[in-house]
Structure formats: C-alpha cells, structure tokens
Amino acid sequence: MIDYIKGEIVELTPARMVLECNGIGYEINISLTTFTAFQGKTEGKIYIYEVIREDAHSLYGFSTLQERSLYLLLTSVSGVGPNTARTILSSLQPRELVQAISSKDEVSLTAVKGIGAKTAQRILVDLKGKVDGLAGEADSPAAQTLPASNAEVAEEAVAALVMLGFLKAASQKAVASILKKEPSAPVEQVIKYALKML
C-alpha cells in the first residue's frame, strides 16, 4: 500500500495530478481542495489512497492527512463511491465538511451534486461522532491564485467537471454563466459554483 508520494509536479489540473518520483509518473485523482493547495508549486508530498480493482488501479491524492481521513470515512458510507467522495471534498473544504457532519447540516450535503436527501442522511448517521477528532486539524494552506485569462480558467474548469463525470456541454454552459457574472473568479471558485449548479 502506498502511503504518500513525494516528487515533482509534472501536471496539475483541478481533478488530476501527475507526480514524478524516481522517473515514474504517477497519475493521481485529486479534489479541488488538493488542487488549490498545490497550485503554483513545482514539487510536493501527497497522501495516497489506492483503489485496486480487476479493471483498474487508481490513486487518489490528498494534500493533508485530514482530507484523506475524511475521504476514507465518506467512502465507508453505503452509496458513496470514490468519485462521489471526491466531489464532496471538491465542494466543501475539510473544515466545512466536519462542521456539516457535526451539526447535522443536511442542507450543505444535499447542495453537493449527486448527493440526495437519503445519502446525506446516511452520511450524517454513519459518520456521527467519527469526525470529531478531525475538527481540530488544520485545513490545507490556501495557495495563491495565479492570474489566468477567462479562456484558460474556462478550459480548466470544464476539463475538471468532465473528469468528475459531468457532461461537457452542461459544464461549458455552467462555466460560461459563472464567468459572465464573475469574470475574475479563479478556477477553483468557478468549479465550486458549477458543482452547485449542475
């Protein structure tokens, strides 16, 4: 089992990272929270959760141990798979998620795309008391937002949404609508708004 990988960041998008370590490039699925933590950096250490199936070996990466712990707790809930858990962690910061579960805030969870009332209730019931120890851990440090043109932001946001399983046309429409209202919004903010719209 891989615990973490430390190396050079070769590629970084809001949903995917390629990290080179000793000449091997690891493709790692990441959340928007992790993307924000590594944005603008050339190297880093990322905590890994490895999913091995008959047809695929996938790596999921997290900027903090807290985020990985939350991911593992989320995937332990019936009906919450690896990509759904990643979508939740892309929509809510770890601190926000811990607070939502601790305060039984079903509304925050159902605001996440793909999470209905039943799944939100299961998360709240199954994880009640399990996230308390994670409340004091620090969130990933906020990375400085790099300036980018609207076209670059739109392209990155749409690519991330498609990788998260949304249709390209719907993603493009949502992103265009957001950038029309807020032309200077950074890519992670555009994705968060789009996740609530789609």
Protein backbone atom coordinates (compact mmCIF):
# COMPACT_ATOMS: atom_id res chain seq x y z
CA MET A 1 0.00 0.00 0.00
CA ILE A 2 1.29 3.48 -0.87
CA ASP A 3 1.07 6.00 2.00
CA TYR A 4 2.41 9.07 0.20
CA ILE A 5 4.40 10.12 -2.84
CA LYS A 6 6.89 12.98 -2.82
CA GLY A 7 8.22 14.37 -6.08
CA GLU A 8 7.98 16.84 -8.91
CA ILE A 9 4.55 18.06 -10.05
CA VAL A 10 4.58 17.47 -13.80
CA GLU A 11 0.91 18.22 -14.45
CA LEU A 12 -1.81 19.76 -12.29
CA THR A 13 -5.47 20.23 -13.17
CA PRO A 14 -8.42 20.71 -10.80
CA ALA A 15 -9.21 16.97 -10.88
CA ARG A 16 -5.88 15.30 -11.72
CA MET A 17 -2.19 15.48 -10.90
CA VAL A 18 0.85 13.76 -12.37
CA LEU A 19 3.65 13.49 -9.81
CA GLU A 20 7.07 12.23 -10.91
CA CYS A 21 9.07 10.27 -8.36
CA ASN A 22 12.30 8.47 -9.31
CA GLY A 23 11.49 8.56 -13.01
CA ILE A 24 7.94 7.23 -12.63
CA GLY A 25 4.96 9.49 -13.31
CA TYR A 26 2.01 8.71 -11.05
CA GLU A 27 -1.45 9.77 -12.24
CA ILE A 28 -3.39 10.82 -9.16
CA ASN A 29 -7.07 11.78 -8.90
CA ILE A 30 -7.44 14.84 -6.67
CA SER A 31 -10.13 17.06 -5.22
CA LEU A 32 -10.43 20.79 -5.78
CA THR A 33 -9.16 21.33 -2.22
CA THR A 34 -5.93 19.47 -3.03
CA PHE A 35 -5.60 21.30 -6.36
CA THR A 36 -5.77 24.62 -4.51
CA ALA A 37 -3.12 23.51 -2.02
CA PHE A 38 -0.65 22.56 -4.78
CA GLN A 39 -1.43 25.29 -7.31
CA GLY A 40 1.70 27.19 -8.28
CA LYS A 41 4.08 24.65 -6.73
CA THR A 42 6.67 22.61 -8.64
CA GLU A 43 7.01 19.78 -6.14
CA GLY A 44 5.14 18.35 -3.23
CA LYS A 45 4.15 15.47 -0.97
CA ILE A 46 0.71 13.99 -1.48
CA TYR A 47 -1.04 11.42 0.72
CA ILE A 48 -2.40 8.49 -1.27
CA TYR A 49 -5.35 6.14 -1.15
CA GLU A 50 -5.00 3.30 -3.63
CA VAL A 51 -8.06 1.61 -5.18
CA ILE A 52 -7.32 -1.73 -6.83
CA ARG A 53 -10.00 -3.36 -8.95
CA GLU A 54 -9.98 -6.04 -11.62
CA ASP A 55 -10.11 -3.48 -14.41
CA ALA A 56 -8.17 -0.56 -12.89
CA HIS A 57 -5.63 0.60 -10.34
CA SER A 58 -6.43 4.16 -9.28
CA LEU A 59 -4.64 6.55 -6.97
CA TYR A 60 -6.50 9.26 -5.06
CA GLY A 61 -4.35 12.01 -3.57
CA PHE A 62 -4.83 14.46 -0.73
CA SER A 63 -2.83 17.46 0.46
CA THR A 64 -3.45 16.66 4.15
CA LEU A 65 -3.99 13.59 6.30
CA GLN A 66 -7.26 15.17 7.45
CA GLU A 67 -8.63 15.25 3.91
CA ARG A 68 -7.60 11.62 3.33
CA SER A 69 -9.25 10.56 6.61
CA LEU A 70 -12.47 12.31 5.59
CA TYR A 71 -12.32 10.65 2.18
CA LEU A 72 -11.96 7.20 3.77
CA LEU A 73 -14.86 7.91 6.13
CA LEU A 74 -17.04 9.09 3.24
CA THR A 75 -16.30 6.01 1.13
CA SER A 76 -17.23 3.79 4.10
CA VAL A 77 -20.81 5.07 3.80
CA SER A 78 -23.11 2.91 1.67
CA GLY A 79 -23.84 4.65 -1.64
CA VAL A 80 -20.75 6.91 -1.55
CA GLY A 81 -18.10 5.77 -4.02
CA PRO A 82 -14.62 7.13 -4.72
CA ASN A 83 -15.74 9.80 -7.21
CA THR A 84 -18.72 10.89 -5.11
CA ALA A 85 -16.44 11.32 -2.10
CA ARG A 86 -14.04 13.36 -4.26
CA THR A 87 -16.93 15.54 -5.45
CA ILE A 88 -17.96 16.18 -1.83
CA LEU A 89 -14.39 17.18 -0.94
CA SER A 90 -14.29 19.42 -4.03
CA SER A 91 -17.49 21.17 -2.96
CA LEU A 92 -16.75 21.51 0.76
CA GLN A 93 -13.45 22.29 2.48
CA PRO A 94 -12.49 19.63 5.07
CA ARG A 95 -13.36 22.03 7.91
CA GLU A 96 -16.77 22.78 6.33
CA LEU A 97 -17.48 19.06 5.90
CA VAL A 98 -16.56 18.27 9.51
CA GLN A 99 -18.78 21.13 10.66
CA ALA A 100 -21.68 19.98 8.45
CA ILE A 101 -21.50 16.43 9.82
CA SER A 102 -21.06 17.55 13.44
CA SER A 103 -24.01 19.96 13.25
CA LYS A 104 -26.19 17.53 11.21
CA ASP A 105 -26.36 20.08 8.36
CA GLU A 106 -28.19 18.08 5.70
CA VAL A 107 -28.68 21.19 3.51
CA SER A 108 -24.89 21.62 2.96
CA LEU A 109 -24.55 17.98 1.93
CA THR A 110 -27.55 17.96 -0.43
CA ALA A 111 -26.14 21.10 -2.11
CA VAL A 112 -23.35 18.85 -3.46
CA LYS A 113 -24.10 17.48 -6.93
CA GLY A 114 -25.12 13.81 -6.77
CA ILE A 115 -25.98 13.81 -3.06
CA GLY A 116 -29.68 13.31 -2.39
CA ALA A 117 -31.50 13.52 0.92
CA LYS A 118 -31.13 9.78 1.65
CA THR A 119 -27.37 9.74 1.01
CA ALA A 120 -26.92 12.92 3.06
CA GLN A 121 -28.84 11.34 5.95
CA ARG A 122 -26.74 8.16 5.71
CA ILE A 123 -23.54 10.25 5.83
CA LEU A 124 -24.81 12.16 8.89
CA VAL A 125 -25.87 8.99 10.72
CA ASP A 126 -22.87 6.81 9.78
CA LEU A 127 -20.23 9.47 10.48
CA LYS A 128 -21.79 10.97 13.61
CA GLY A 129 -19.04 11.12 16.22
CA LYS A 130 -16.39 9.80 13.81
CA VAL A 131 -15.28 13.22 12.56
CA ASP A 132 -14.90 14.88 15.97
CA GLY A 133 -11.17 14.12 16.14
CA LEU A 134 -10.65 15.73 12.74
CA ALA A 135 -12.20 19.07 13.71
CA GLY A 136 -9.01 20.50 15.22
CA GLU A 137 -6.69 19.56 12.37
CA ALA A 138 -5.60 22.37 10.09
CA ASP A 139 -7.01 22.73 6.61
CA SER A 140 -4.62 22.68 3.72
CA PRO A 141 -2.91 26.03 3.32
CA ALA A 142 -4.60 28.22 0.77
CA ALA A 143 -2.42 28.60 -2.27
CA GLN A 144 -2.04 31.90 -4.02
CA THR A 145 -4.28 32.13 -7.04
CA LEU A 146 -2.33 32.54 -10.23
CA PRO A 147 -3.66 35.05 -12.73
CA ALA A 148 -5.23 33.41 -15.75
CA SER A 149 -7.30 34.57 -18.67
CA ASN A 150 -11.00 33.72 -18.86
CA ALA A 151 -10.33 31.20 -21.62
CA GLU A 152 -7.75 29.32 -19.53
CA VAL A 153 -10.00 29.33 -16.46
CA ALA A 154 -12.98 28.14 -18.52
CA GLU A 155 -10.94 25.37 -20.17
CA GLU A 156 -9.52 24.09 -16.86
CA ALA A 157 -12.90 24.25 -15.12
CA VAL A 158 -14.72 22.37 -17.90
CA ALA A 159 -11.96 19.72 -18.04
CA ALA A 160 -12.21 19.20 -14.27
CA LEU A 161 -16.01 18.92 -14.36
CA VAL A 162 -15.87 16.40 -17.22
CA MET A 163 -13.31 14.34 -15.25
CA LEU A 164 -15.72 14.43 -12.29
CA GLY A 165 -18.38 12.86 -14.54
CA PHE A 166 -20.44 15.80 -15.77
CA LEU A 167 -21.45 16.26 -19.42
CA LYS A 168 -19.19 18.60 -21.38
CA ALA A 169 -21.99 20.72 -22.85
CA ALA A 170 -23.66 21.27 -19.46
CA SER A 171 -20.27 22.04 -17.88
CA GLN A 172 -19.43 24.60 -20.59
CA LYS A 173 -22.80 26.30 -20.14
CA ALA A 174 -22.41 26.49 -16.34
CA VAL A 175 -18.83 27.77 -16.54
CA ALA A 176 -19.73 30.40 -19.15
CA SER A 177 -22.61 31.60 -16.97
CA ILE A 178 -20.37 31.90 -13.90
CA LEU A 179 -17.58 33.72 -15.76
CA LYS A 180 -20.12 36.13 -17.23
CA LYS A 181 -21.16 37.15 -13.69
CA GLU A 182 -17.66 36.97 -12.18
CA PRO A 183 -15.01 37.35 -14.91
CA SER A 184 -12.09 37.46 -12.46
CA ALA A 185 -13.07 34.34 -10.48
CA PRO A 186 -10.22 31.84 -10.01
CA VAL A 187 -10.68 28.36 -11.48
CA GLU A 188 -11.34 26.63 -8.13
CA GLN A 189 -14.14 29.10 -7.35
CA VAL A 190 -15.67 28.60 -10.80
CA ILE A 191 -15.66 24.82 -10.27
CA LYS A 192 -17.25 25.14 -6.82
CA TYR A 193 -20.06 27.32 -8.22
CA ALA A 194 -20.51 24.95 -11.18
CA LEU A 195 -20.76 21.92 -8.87
CA LYS A 196 -23.70 23.60 -7.16
CA MET A 197 -25.36 24.48 -10.50
CA LEU A 198 -25.01 21.15 -12.29
